[in-house]
Amino acid sequence: MRAAEEEAEQATLPWLMEAVAAGQRIGAVRTDLPDELLIALALGMGQAMDTWLITRRSGERDLADAVHALIDMMRRAFQP
């Protein structure tokens, strides 16, 4: 399982690095923290959110509300 997670992370890393850089260039992503930390935070938050979503039991409406809240959390973590 861990090997699959590492493989997925390595495949995602170049895209995530470019997304952070592009976001910083247009002022949408904070610049007060090192890029490596922002990437680690994005990966960690993503993994935690995935695990939580996969393991919960609820209705579809609850799921939509949860996804919106998680997206908002991610957005607020990276805004300048």
C-alpha atoms as a PDB file:
ATOM      1  CA  MET A   1       0.000   0.000   0.000  1.00  0.00           C
ATOM      2  CA  ARG A   2       2.762   2.448   0.909  1.00  0.00           C
ATOM      3  CA  ALA A   3       4.524   1.801  -2.423  1.00  0.00           C
ATOM      4  CA  ALA A   4       1.347   2.777  -4.283  1.00  0.00           C
ATOM      5  CA  GLU A   5       1.053   5.959  -2.199  1.00  0.00           C
ATOM      6  CA  GLU A   6       4.669   6.885  -2.934  1.00  0.00           C
ATOM      7  CA  GLU A   7       4.176   6.214  -6.645  1.00  0.00           C
ATOM      8  CA  ALA A   8       1.082   8.417  -6.736  1.00  0.00           C
ATOM      9  CA  GLU A   9       2.905  11.151  -4.825  1.00  0.00           C
ATOM     10  CA  GLN A  10       5.829  11.084  -7.253  1.00  0.00           C
ATOM     11  CA  ALA A  11       3.458  11.278 -10.215  1.00  0.00           C
ATOM     12  CA  THR A  12       1.636  14.240  -8.645  1.00  0.00           C
ATOM     13  CA  LEU A  13       4.687  16.134  -7.440  1.00  0.00           C
ATOM     14  CA  PRO A  14       5.694  17.870 -10.724  1.00  0.00           C
ATOM     15  CA  TRP A  15       2.127  19.079 -11.288  1.00  0.00           C
ATOM     16  CA  LEU A  16       1.828  20.281  -7.701  1.00  0.00           C
ATOM     17  CA  MET A  17       5.148  22.136  -7.872  1.00  0.00           C
ATOM     18  CA  GLU A  18       4.032  23.940 -11.031  1.00  0.00           C
ATOM     19  CA  ALA A  19       0.606  24.695  -9.547  1.00  0.00           C
ATOM     20  CA  VAL A  20       2.214  26.301  -6.474  1.00  0.00           C
ATOM     21  CA  ALA A  21       4.619  28.324  -8.633  1.00  0.00           C
ATOM     22  CA  ALA A  22       1.854  29.462 -11.002  1.00  0.00           C
ATOM     23  CA  GLY A  23      -0.386  30.384  -8.085  1.00  0.00           C
ATOM     24  CA  GLN A  24       2.398  32.398  -6.489  1.00  0.00           C
ATOM     25  CA  ARG A  25       3.108  34.234  -9.765  1.00  0.00           C
ATOM     26  CA  ILE A  26      -0.477  35.494  -9.924  1.00  0.00           C
ATOM     27  CA  GLY A  27      -0.761  36.195  -6.196  1.00  0.00           C
ATOM     28  CA  ALA A  28      -3.203  33.380  -5.394  1.00  0.00           C
ATOM     29  CA  VAL A  29      -0.820  31.271  -3.292  1.00  0.00           C
ATOM     30  CA  ARG A  30       1.071  32.508  -0.270  1.00  0.00           C
ATOM     31  CA  THR A  31       4.806  33.158  -0.539  1.00  0.00           C
ATOM     32  CA  ASP A  32       5.668  33.484   3.146  1.00  0.00           C
ATOM     33  CA  LEU A  33       6.375  29.755   3.520  1.00  0.00           C
ATOM     34  CA  PRO A  34       8.861  27.566   1.627  1.00  0.00           C
ATOM     35  CA  ASP A  35       7.436  25.851  -1.454  1.00  0.00           C
ATOM     36  CA  GLU A  36       8.466  22.471  -0.032  1.00  0.00           C
ATOM     37  CA  LEU A  37       6.315  23.089   3.047  1.00  0.00           C
ATOM     38  CA  LEU A  38       3.331  24.177   0.961  1.00  0.00           C
ATOM     39  CA  ILE A  39       3.638  21.021  -1.128  1.00  0.00           C
ATOM     40  CA  ALA A  40       3.973  18.834   1.970  1.00  0.00           C
ATOM     41  CA  LEU A  41       0.885  20.524   3.442  1.00  0.00           C
ATOM     42  CA  ALA A  42      -1.099  19.984   0.243  1.00  0.00           C
ATOM     43  CA  LEU A  43      -0.143  16.310   0.107  1.00  0.00           C
ATOM     44  CA  GLY A  44      -0.847  15.764   3.797  1.00  0.00           C
ATOM     45  CA  MET A  45      -4.168  17.581   3.730  1.00  0.00           C
ATOM     46  CA  GLY A  46      -5.160  15.715   0.583  1.00  0.00           C
ATOM     47  CA  GLN A  47      -4.347  12.361   2.131  1.00  0.00           C
ATOM     48  CA  ALA A  48      -6.223  13.182   5.339  1.00  0.00           C
ATOM     49  CA  MET A  49      -9.241  14.405   3.392  1.00  0.00           C
ATOM     50  CA  ASP A  50      -9.242  11.323   1.144  1.00  0.00           C
ATOM     51  CA  THR A  51      -9.056   8.993   4.131  1.00  0.00           C
ATOM     52  CA  TRP A  52     -11.843  10.810   5.928  1.00  0.00           C
ATOM     53  CA  LEU A  53     -14.101  10.867   2.869  1.00  0.00           C
ATOM     54  CA  ILE A  54     -13.527   7.195   2.065  1.00  0.00           C
ATOM     55  CA  THR A  55     -14.236   5.995   5.595  1.00  0.00           C
ATOM     56  CA  ARG A  56     -17.346   8.043   6.376  1.00  0.00           C
ATOM     57  CA  ARG A  57     -20.950   6.972   6.001  1.00  0.00           C
ATOM     58  CA  SER A  58     -23.466   9.601   5.070  1.00  0.00           C
ATOM     59  CA  GLY A  59     -25.945  10.706   2.482  1.00  0.00           C
ATOM     60  CA  GLU A  60     -25.046  12.380  -0.776  1.00  0.00           C
ATOM     61  CA  ARG A  61     -26.140  15.828   0.465  1.00  0.00           C
ATOM     62  CA  ASP A  62     -23.854  15.505   3.471  1.00  0.00           C
ATOM     63  CA  LEU A  63     -21.051  14.518   1.122  1.00  0.00           C
ATOM     64  CA  ALA A  64     -21.521  17.635  -1.026  1.00  0.00           C
ATOM     65  CA  ASP A  65     -21.409  19.858   2.062  1.00  0.00           C
ATOM     66  CA  ALA A  66     -18.302  18.069   3.321  1.00  0.00           C
ATOM     67  CA  VAL A  67     -16.498  18.417  -0.009  1.00  0.00           C
ATOM     68  CA  HIS A  68     -17.262  22.150  -0.114  1.00  0.00           C
ATOM     69  CA  ALA A  69     -15.938  22.552   3.431  1.00  0.00           C
ATOM     70  CA  LEU A  70     -12.753  20.617   2.606  1.00  0.00           C
ATOM     71  CA  ILE A  71     -12.120  22.687  -0.510  1.00  0.00           C
ATOM     72  CA  ASP A  72     -12.599  25.838   1.554  1.00  0.00           C
ATOM     73  CA  MET A  73     -10.103  24.561   4.136  1.00  0.00           C
ATOM     74  CA  MET A  74      -7.518  23.896   1.440  1.00  0.00           C
ATOM     75  CA  ARG A  75      -8.123  27.292  -0.183  1.00  0.00           C
ATOM     76  CA  ARG A  76      -7.734  29.153   3.126  1.00  0.00           C
ATOM     77  CA  ALA A  77      -4.528  27.278   3.960  1.00  0.00           C
ATOM     78  CA  PHE A  78      -2.820  28.488   0.806  1.00  0.00           C
ATOM     79  CA  GLN A  79      -4.240  31.985   0.306  1.00  0.00           C
ATOM     80  CA  PRO A  80      -1.855  34.883   0.889  1.00  0.00           C
END
